[in-house]
Amino acid sequence: MKIAEQASAAPSLPRWAASTAALVVAVLALSSCGVSTIPERRKATMTLDQAKAQVDAYLAEILAKLPVKPLASSSGDFFDSHCDVNDVGPHGRMQTDREYGFGDVPLATKTEASNAFRTLLMGKGFELASDATSDQVKLKNPKDKFIAVLDGVSGDSRNLSLNVSTPCVWPQGTPSP
């Protein structure tokens, strides 16, 4: 009888271990996909129009400090896009950004613009973003999650551009019912 008991107990241990491992993997996968942020995503935000106004306010301050002005051909239109379309949680949030191009700018002017950009925004609480490249100065405001990027600052790049983007917001400020 003892051998029979051992034989019947042996398969349950691997089954238990496999079930536990599957549960751990599922919990980790769900938490990495943002399940823990679902309540955060249901919170009210500024409206999309308010976010656009904030982009314009940041851009006005930045453009006033830069030693170069955007090209007349820069459209500066807003580019709206949906957030989190493949993520867990309520959908329908949007983000927007606006970009201006300065064209081919001499390296000395790029350096001056980069320094002015960094000084202004870091003085307003922005921090260097971890995913910036050697050809851009990317700053993120930890309080409101807006991102400002001065791209093309290296000598290897021909064109300088400025972009300010919003965090994900509900178009009307609150989730759709």
C-alpha atoms as a PDB file:
ATOM      1  CA  MET A   1       0.000   0.000   0.000  1.00  0.00           C
ATOM      2  CA  LYS A   2       2.831   2.357   0.765  1.00  0.00           C
ATOM      3  CA  ILE A   3       4.162   2.107  -2.790  1.00  0.00           C
ATOM      4  CA  ALA A   4       0.675   2.832  -4.169  1.00  0.00           C
ATOM      5  CA  GLU A   5       0.383   5.910  -1.916  1.00  0.00           C
ATOM      6  CA  GLN A   6       3.767   7.160  -3.100  1.00  0.00           C
ATOM      7  CA  ALA A   7       2.835   6.573  -6.726  1.00  0.00           C
ATOM      8  CA  SER A   8      -0.401   8.529  -6.360  1.00  0.00           C
ATOM      9  CA  ALA A   9       1.338  11.350  -4.435  1.00  0.00           C
ATOM     10  CA  ALA A  10       4.146  11.713  -6.956  1.00  0.00           C
ATOM     11  CA  PRO A  11       2.005  13.052  -9.834  1.00  0.00           C
ATOM     12  CA  SER A  12       0.291  15.639  -7.585  1.00  0.00           C
ATOM     13  CA  LEU A  13       3.549  17.386  -6.657  1.00  0.00           C
ATOM     14  CA  PRO A  14       4.523  18.175 -10.265  1.00  0.00           C
ATOM     15  CA  ARG A  15       0.888  19.156 -11.003  1.00  0.00           C
ATOM     16  CA  TRP A  16       0.900  21.472  -7.960  1.00  0.00           C
ATOM     17  CA  ALA A  17       4.258  22.962  -8.969  1.00  0.00           C
ATOM     18  CA  ALA A  18       3.092  23.445 -12.557  1.00  0.00           C
ATOM     19  CA  SER A  19      -0.138  25.096 -11.380  1.00  0.00           C
ATOM     20  CA  THR A  20       1.769  27.400  -9.053  1.00  0.00           C
ATOM     21  CA  ALA A  21       4.262  28.305 -11.758  1.00  0.00           C
ATOM     22  CA  ALA A  22       1.429  29.032 -14.211  1.00  0.00           C
ATOM     23  CA  LEU A  23      -0.275  31.258 -11.629  1.00  0.00           C
ATOM     24  CA  VAL A  24       2.949  33.173 -10.928  1.00  0.00           C
ATOM     25  CA  VAL A  25       3.565  33.684 -14.658  1.00  0.00           C
ATOM     26  CA  ALA A  26      -0.021  34.898 -15.166  1.00  0.00           C
ATOM     27  CA  VAL A  27       0.192  37.374 -12.266  1.00  0.00           C
ATOM     28  CA  LEU A  28       3.515  38.734 -13.515  1.00  0.00           C
ATOM     29  CA  ALA A  29       2.211  39.073 -17.059  1.00  0.00           C
ATOM     30  CA  LEU A  30      -0.930  40.866 -15.958  1.00  0.00           C
ATOM     31  CA  SER A  31       0.926  43.249 -13.680  1.00  0.00           C
ATOM     32  CA  SER A  32       3.457  44.087 -16.387  1.00  0.00           C
ATOM     33  CA  CYS A  33       0.614  44.837 -18.824  1.00  0.00           C
ATOM     34  CA  GLY A  34      -0.797  47.459 -16.527  1.00  0.00           C
ATOM     35  CA  VAL A  35      -3.582  45.731 -14.628  1.00  0.00           C
ATOM     36  CA  SER A  36      -2.372  47.519 -11.517  1.00  0.00           C
ATOM     37  CA  THR A  37      -2.874  50.823 -13.320  1.00  0.00           C
ATOM     38  CA  ILE A  38      -6.543  50.290 -14.255  1.00  0.00           C
ATOM     39  CA  PRO A  39      -7.758  52.450 -11.327  1.00  0.00           C
ATOM     40  CA  GLU A  40      -5.184  55.066 -12.336  1.00  0.00           C
ATOM     41  CA  ARG A  41      -6.500  55.036 -15.897  1.00  0.00           C
ATOM     42  CA  ARG A  42     -10.066  55.631 -14.743  1.00  0.00           C
ATOM     43  CA  LYS A  43      -9.127  58.881 -13.001  1.00  0.00           C
ATOM     44  CA  ALA A  44     -10.224  62.187 -14.444  1.00  0.00           C
ATOM     45  CA  THR A  45      -7.590  64.106 -16.415  1.00  0.00           C
ATOM     46  CA  MET A  46      -7.371  67.473 -18.052  1.00  0.00           C
ATOM     47  CA  THR A  47      -9.351  67.637 -21.291  1.00  0.00           C
ATOM     48  CA  LEU A  48      -7.667  67.284 -24.665  1.00  0.00           C
ATOM     49  CA  ASP A  49      -8.272  71.008 -25.278  1.00  0.00           C
ATOM     50  CA  GLN A  50      -6.605  71.862 -21.951  1.00  0.00           C
ATOM     51  CA  ALA A  51      -3.675  69.597 -22.858  1.00  0.00           C
ATOM     52  CA  LYS A  52      -3.313  71.402 -26.200  1.00  0.00           C
ATOM     53  CA  ALA A  53      -3.348  74.744 -24.401  1.00  0.00           C
ATOM     54  CA  GLN A  54      -0.560  73.501 -22.109  1.00  0.00           C
ATOM     55  CA  VAL A  55       1.468  72.342 -25.136  1.00  0.00           C
ATOM     56  CA  ASP A  56       1.062  75.819 -26.630  1.00  0.00           C
ATOM     57  CA  ALA A  57       2.115  77.459 -23.346  1.00  0.00           C
ATOM     58  CA  TYR A  58       5.261  75.320 -23.146  1.00  0.00           C
ATOM     59  CA  LEU A  59       6.042  75.955 -26.813  1.00  0.00           C
ATOM     60  CA  ALA A  60       5.611  79.715 -26.444  1.00  0.00           C
ATOM     61  CA  GLU A  61       8.042  79.780 -23.510  1.00  0.00           C
ATOM     62  CA  ILE A  62      10.567  77.581 -25.304  1.00  0.00           C
ATOM     63  CA  LEU A  63      10.396  79.426 -28.625  1.00  0.00           C
ATOM     64  CA  ALA A  64      10.884  82.758 -26.835  1.00  0.00           C
ATOM     65  CA  LYS A  65      14.180  81.478 -25.368  1.00  0.00           C
ATOM     66  CA  LEU A  66      15.648  79.764 -28.434  1.00  0.00           C
ATOM     67  CA  PRO A  67      18.209  81.617 -30.578  1.00  0.00           C
ATOM     68  CA  VAL A  68      16.507  80.327 -33.743  1.00  0.00           C
ATOM     69  CA  LYS A  69      12.921  80.580 -34.988  1.00  0.00           C
ATOM     70  CA  PRO A  70      10.868  77.894 -36.753  1.00  0.00           C
ATOM     71  CA  LEU A  71      10.696  77.850 -40.519  1.00  0.00           C
ATOM     72  CA  ALA A  72       7.700  79.612 -42.038  1.00  0.00           C
ATOM     73  CA  SER A  73       6.809  76.318 -43.720  1.00  0.00           C
ATOM     74  CA  SER A  74       6.492  74.501 -40.362  1.00  0.00           C
ATOM     75  CA  SER A  75       2.828  73.642 -40.005  1.00  0.00           C
ATOM     76  CA  GLY A  76       2.819  73.321 -36.234  1.00  0.00           C
ATOM     77  CA  ASP A  77      -0.470  71.409 -36.413  1.00  0.00           C
ATOM     78  CA  PHE A  78      -1.485  69.162 -33.552  1.00  0.00           C
ATOM     79  CA  PHE A  79      -1.180  65.435 -34.129  1.00  0.00           C
ATOM     80  CA  ASP A  80      -3.778  63.574 -32.032  1.00  0.00           C
ATOM     81  CA  SER A  81      -3.476  59.830 -31.410  1.00  0.00           C
ATOM     82  CA  HIS A  82      -5.163  57.168 -29.307  1.00  0.00           C
ATOM     83  CA  CYS A  83      -3.419  55.810 -26.217  1.00  0.00           C
ATOM     84  CA  ASP A  84      -3.133  52.259 -24.982  1.00  0.00           C
ATOM     85  CA  VAL A  85      -5.028  50.613 -27.839  1.00  0.00           C
ATOM     86  CA  ASN A  86      -3.339  47.273 -27.085  1.00  0.00           C
ATOM     87  CA  ASP A  87      -3.133  47.632 -23.322  1.00  0.00           C
ATOM     88  CA  VAL A  88      -5.337  46.406 -20.495  1.00  0.00           C
ATOM     89  CA  GLY A  89      -7.732  48.971 -19.083  1.00  0.00           C
ATOM     90  CA  PRO A  90     -10.295  51.483 -20.229  1.00  0.00           C
ATOM     91  CA  HIS A  91      -9.737  52.770 -23.733  1.00  0.00           C
ATOM     92  CA  GLY A  92     -10.514  56.114 -25.281  1.00  0.00           C
ATOM     93  CA  ARG A  93      -7.737  58.290 -23.916  1.00  0.00           C
ATOM     94  CA  MET A  94      -5.870  60.494 -26.359  1.00  0.00           C
ATOM     95  CA  GLN A  95      -2.586  62.286 -26.524  1.00  0.00           C
ATOM     96  CA  THR A  96      -1.402  65.023 -28.796  1.00  0.00           C
ATOM     97  CA  ASP A  97       1.773  66.757 -29.801  1.00  0.00           C
ATOM     98  CA  ARG A  98       2.913  69.699 -31.849  1.00  0.00           C
ATOM     99  CA  GLU A  99       6.220  69.993 -33.675  1.00  0.00           C
ATOM    100  CA  TYR A 100       8.150  72.801 -35.295  1.00  0.00           C
ATOM    101  CA  GLY A 101      11.117  72.492 -37.633  1.00  0.00           C
ATOM    102  CA  PHE A 102      14.022  74.916 -37.823  1.00  0.00           C
ATOM    103  CA  GLY A 103      15.757  73.470 -40.878  1.00  0.00           C
ATOM    104  CA  ASP A 104      19.512  73.178 -41.264  1.00  0.00           C
ATOM    105  CA  VAL A 105      21.009  75.062 -38.314  1.00  0.00           C
ATOM    106  CA  PRO A 106      24.732  75.625 -37.653  1.00  0.00           C
ATOM    107  CA  LEU A 107      26.223  73.519 -34.844  1.00  0.00           C
ATOM    108  CA  ALA A 108      27.005  76.571 -32.686  1.00  0.00           C
ATOM    109  CA  THR A 109      23.344  77.654 -32.844  1.00  0.00           C
ATOM    110  CA  LYS A 110      22.186  74.093 -32.079  1.00  0.00           C
ATOM    111  CA  THR A 111      24.430  74.053 -29.016  1.00  0.00           C
ATOM    112  CA  GLU A 112      23.108  77.420 -27.859  1.00  0.00           C
ATOM    113  CA  ALA A 113      19.508  76.277 -28.466  1.00  0.00           C
ATOM    114  CA  SER A 114      20.122  73.012 -26.610  1.00  0.00           C
ATOM    115  CA  ASN A 115      21.540  74.848 -23.592  1.00  0.00           C
ATOM    116  CA  ALA A 116      18.678  77.376 -23.534  1.00  0.00           C
ATOM    117  CA  PHE A 117      16.096  74.563 -23.900  1.00  0.00           C
ATOM    118  CA  ARG A 118      17.614  72.507 -21.093  1.00  0.00           C
ATOM    119  CA  THR A 119      18.064  75.499 -18.753  1.00  0.00           C
ATOM    120  CA  LEU A 120      14.503  76.754 -19.222  1.00  0.00           C
ATOM    121  CA  LEU A 121      12.744  73.440 -18.779  1.00  0.00           C
ATOM    122  CA  MET A 122      14.914  72.044 -16.000  1.00  0.00           C
ATOM    123  CA  GLY A 123      14.241  75.313 -14.181  1.00  0.00           C
ATOM    124  CA  LYS A 124      10.530  74.485 -14.514  1.00  0.00           C
ATOM    125  CA  GLY A 125      11.026  71.019 -12.970  1.00  0.00           C
ATOM    126  CA  PHE A 126      11.531  68.938 -16.110  1.00  0.00           C
ATOM    127  CA  GLU A 127      14.017  66.071 -15.871  1.00  0.00           C
ATOM    128  CA  LEU A 128      16.173  64.328 -18.461  1.00  0.00           C
ATOM    129  CA  ALA A 129      14.310  61.370 -19.956  1.00  0.00           C
ATOM    130  CA  SER A 130      16.104  58.039 -19.789  1.00  0.00           C
ATOM    131  CA  ASP A 131      15.378  57.187 -23.421  1.00  0.00           C
ATOM    132  CA  ALA A 132      16.963  60.302 -24.938  1.00  0.00           C
ATOM    133  CA  THR A 133      19.497  59.789 -27.714  1.00  0.00           C
ATOM    134  CA  SER A 134      22.791  61.520 -28.433  1.00  0.00           C
ATOM    135  CA  ASP A 135      21.036  63.591 -31.090  1.00  0.00           C
ATOM    136  CA  GLN A 136      18.281  64.929 -28.844  1.00  0.00           C
ATOM    137  CA  VAL A 137      17.572  66.601 -25.555  1.00  0.00           C
ATOM    138  CA  LYS A 138      14.456  64.897 -24.187  1.00  0.00           C
ATOM    139  CA  LEU A 139      12.928  66.226 -20.998  1.00  0.00           C
ATOM    140  CA  LYS A 140       9.859  65.062 -19.060  1.00  0.00           C
ATOM    141  CA  ASN A 141       7.915  66.936 -16.423  1.00  0.00           C
ATOM    142  CA  PRO A 142       7.343  64.443 -13.581  1.00  0.00           C
ATOM    143  CA  LYS A 143       4.374  66.465 -12.307  1.00  0.00           C
ATOM    144  CA  ASP A 144       2.244  66.730 -15.446  1.00  0.00           C
ATOM    145  CA  LYS A 145       3.972  64.066 -17.640  1.00  0.00           C
ATOM    146  CA  PHE A 146       4.431  66.406 -20.627  1.00  0.00           C
ATOM    147  CA  ILE A 147       7.501  65.662 -22.753  1.00  0.00           C
ATOM    148  CA  ALA A 148       9.581  68.185 -24.676  1.00  0.00           C
ATOM    149  CA  VAL A 149      12.184  67.125 -27.239  1.00  0.00           C
ATOM    150  CA  LEU A 150      14.748  69.198 -29.083  1.00  0.00           C
ATOM    151  CA  ASP A 151      15.880  66.839 -31.828  1.00  0.00           C
ATOM    152  CA  GLY A 152      18.816  67.124 -34.195  1.00  0.00           C
ATOM    153  CA  VAL A 153      21.218  68.780 -31.741  1.00  0.00           C
ATOM    154  CA  SER A 154      24.344  66.882 -32.788  1.00  0.00           C
ATOM    155  CA  GLY A 155      26.736  67.869 -35.539  1.00  0.00           C
ATOM    156  CA  ASP A 156      25.693  64.745 -37.450  1.00  0.00           C
ATOM    157  CA  SER A 157      22.137  65.973 -37.926  1.00  0.00           C
ATOM    158  CA  ARG A 158      21.097  68.493 -40.533  1.00  0.00           C
ATOM    159  CA  ASN A 159      17.671  69.513 -39.222  1.00  0.00           C
ATOM    160  CA  LEU A 160      16.678  70.796 -35.818  1.00  0.00           C
ATOM    161  CA  SER A 161      13.114  70.294 -34.551  1.00  0.00           C
ATOM    162  CA  LEU A 162      11.118  70.926 -31.387  1.00  0.00           C
ATOM    163  CA  ASN A 163       8.252  68.723 -30.199  1.00  0.00           C
ATOM    164  CA  VAL A 164       6.067  68.922 -27.098  1.00  0.00           C
ATOM    165  CA  SER A 165       3.688  66.047 -26.336  1.00  0.00           C
ATOM    166  CA  THR A 166       1.004  65.431 -23.742  1.00  0.00           C
ATOM    167  CA  PRO A 167       0.368  62.488 -21.480  1.00  0.00           C
ATOM    168  CA  CYS A 168      -2.704  60.375 -22.190  1.00  0.00           C
ATOM    169  CA  VAL A 169      -5.873  62.293 -21.312  1.00  0.00           C
ATOM    170  CA  TRP A 170      -9.600  61.728 -21.590  1.00  0.00           C
ATOM    171  CA  PRO A 171     -10.905  63.952 -24.430  1.00  0.00           C
ATOM    172  CA  GLN A 172     -13.615  65.366 -22.146  1.00  0.00           C
ATOM    173  CA  GLY A 173     -11.597  64.975 -18.927  1.00  0.00           C
ATOM    174  CA  THR A 174     -13.420  61.891 -17.647  1.00  0.00           C
ATOM    175  CA  PRO A 175     -13.739  58.301 -18.894  1.00  0.00           C
ATOM    176  CA  SER A 176     -16.645  57.510 -21.182  1.00  0.00           C
ATOM    177  CA  PRO A 177     -19.391  55.604 -19.335  1.00  0.00           C
END
